[in-house]
């Protein structure tokens, strides 16, 4: 799991914003993305929050990237 303390906070905000922006660009709802990524809607909602305080694994990050049809680098 990724630790949100210290200097990782800005990275999490950037990743959260990128996930949300790409999802919207692809005309996907949070429900659709959550289902495709194999995570709950509430989990995705927390990840997409501007003040994301939910840690998540790299595995989940890759699942979200796959569900969005983008290289994981686009989320970083």
Protein backbone atom coordinates (compact mmCIF):
# COMPACT_ATOMS: atom_id res chain seq x y z
CA UNK A 1 0.00 0.00 0.00
CA UNK A 2 1.10 3.53 -0.67
CA UNK A 3 1.58 5.81 2.32
CA UNK A 4 -0.23 9.14 2.09
CA UNK A 5 1.94 10.88 4.62
CA UNK A 6 4.63 13.36 3.86
CA UNK A 7 5.38 14.42 0.31
CA UNK A 8 3.13 11.84 -1.37
CA UNK A 9 0.01 13.93 -0.82
CA UNK A 10 0.51 16.01 -3.98
CA UNK A 11 1.12 12.90 -6.07
CA UNK A 12 -2.13 11.37 -4.82
CA UNK A 13 -4.04 14.56 -5.67
CA UNK A 14 -2.56 14.52 -9.18
CA UNK A 15 -3.39 10.83 -9.70
CA UNK A 16 -6.93 11.35 -8.39
CA UNK A 17 -7.45 14.30 -10.74
CA UNK A 18 -6.04 12.38 -13.71
CA UNK A 19 -8.28 9.36 -13.08
CA UNK A 20 -11.36 11.56 -12.87
CA UNK A 21 -10.47 13.67 -15.91
CA UNK A 22 -9.73 10.66 -18.14
CA UNK A 23 -12.91 8.92 -16.97
CA UNK A 24 -14.96 12.00 -17.88
CA UNK A 25 -13.17 12.35 -21.26
CA UNK A 26 -14.17 8.77 -22.02
CA UNK A 27 -17.79 9.48 -21.01
CA UNK A 28 -17.70 6.86 -18.27
CA UNK A 29 -19.60 7.04 -15.03
CA UNK A 30 -17.92 6.20 -11.76
CA UNK A 31 -20.09 3.08 -11.63
CA UNK A 32 -18.88 1.92 -15.06
CA UNK A 33 -15.23 2.48 -14.20
CA UNK A 34 -15.57 0.79 -10.83
CA UNK A 35 -17.17 -2.27 -12.41
CA UNK A 36 -14.54 -2.48 -15.16
CA UNK A 37 -11.72 -2.07 -12.64
CA UNK A 38 -13.22 -4.61 -10.23
CA UNK A 39 -13.52 -2.20 -7.31
CA UNK A 40 -16.48 -0.79 -5.42
CA UNK A 41 -18.10 2.49 -6.36
CA UNK A 42 -17.41 3.89 -2.88
CA UNK A 43 -13.72 2.97 -3.20
CA UNK A 44 -13.43 4.73 -6.57
CA UNK A 45 -15.29 7.76 -5.22
CA UNK A 46 -12.77 8.06 -2.41
CA UNK A 47 -9.86 7.68 -4.83
CA UNK A 48 -11.27 10.44 -7.06
CA UNK A 49 -11.86 12.91 -4.20
CA UNK A 50 -9.80 16.08 -4.51
CA UNK A 51 -8.44 15.49 -1.01
CA UNK A 52 -7.88 11.79 -1.56
CA UNK A 53 -7.10 10.18 1.76
CA UNK A 54 -7.57 6.60 0.63
CA UNK A 55 -4.43 4.60 0.05
CA UNK A 56 -4.55 2.09 -2.77
CA UNK A 57 -2.22 -0.50 -4.18
CA UNK A 58 -0.34 -0.38 -7.44
CA UNK A 59 -2.49 -3.33 -8.46
CA UNK A 60 -5.60 -1.13 -8.20
CA UNK A 61 -3.86 1.66 -10.10
CA UNK A 62 -3.05 -0.73 -12.96
CA UNK A 63 -6.62 -2.09 -12.91
CA UNK A 64 -7.99 1.45 -13.22
CA UNK A 65 -5.59 2.24 -16.07
CA UNK A 66 -6.63 -0.94 -17.90
CA UNK A 67 -10.32 -0.13 -17.37
CA UNK A 68 -9.73 3.35 -18.80
CA UNK A 69 -7.75 1.92 -21.72
CA UNK A 70 -4.66 4.00 -20.98
CA UNK A 71 -1.07 3.35 -20.00
CA UNK A 72 -0.65 3.69 -16.25
CA UNK A 73 1.86 6.50 -16.89
CA UNK A 74 -1.05 8.73 -17.97
CA UNK A 75 -2.43 8.53 -14.45
CA UNK A 76 0.82 9.65 -12.85
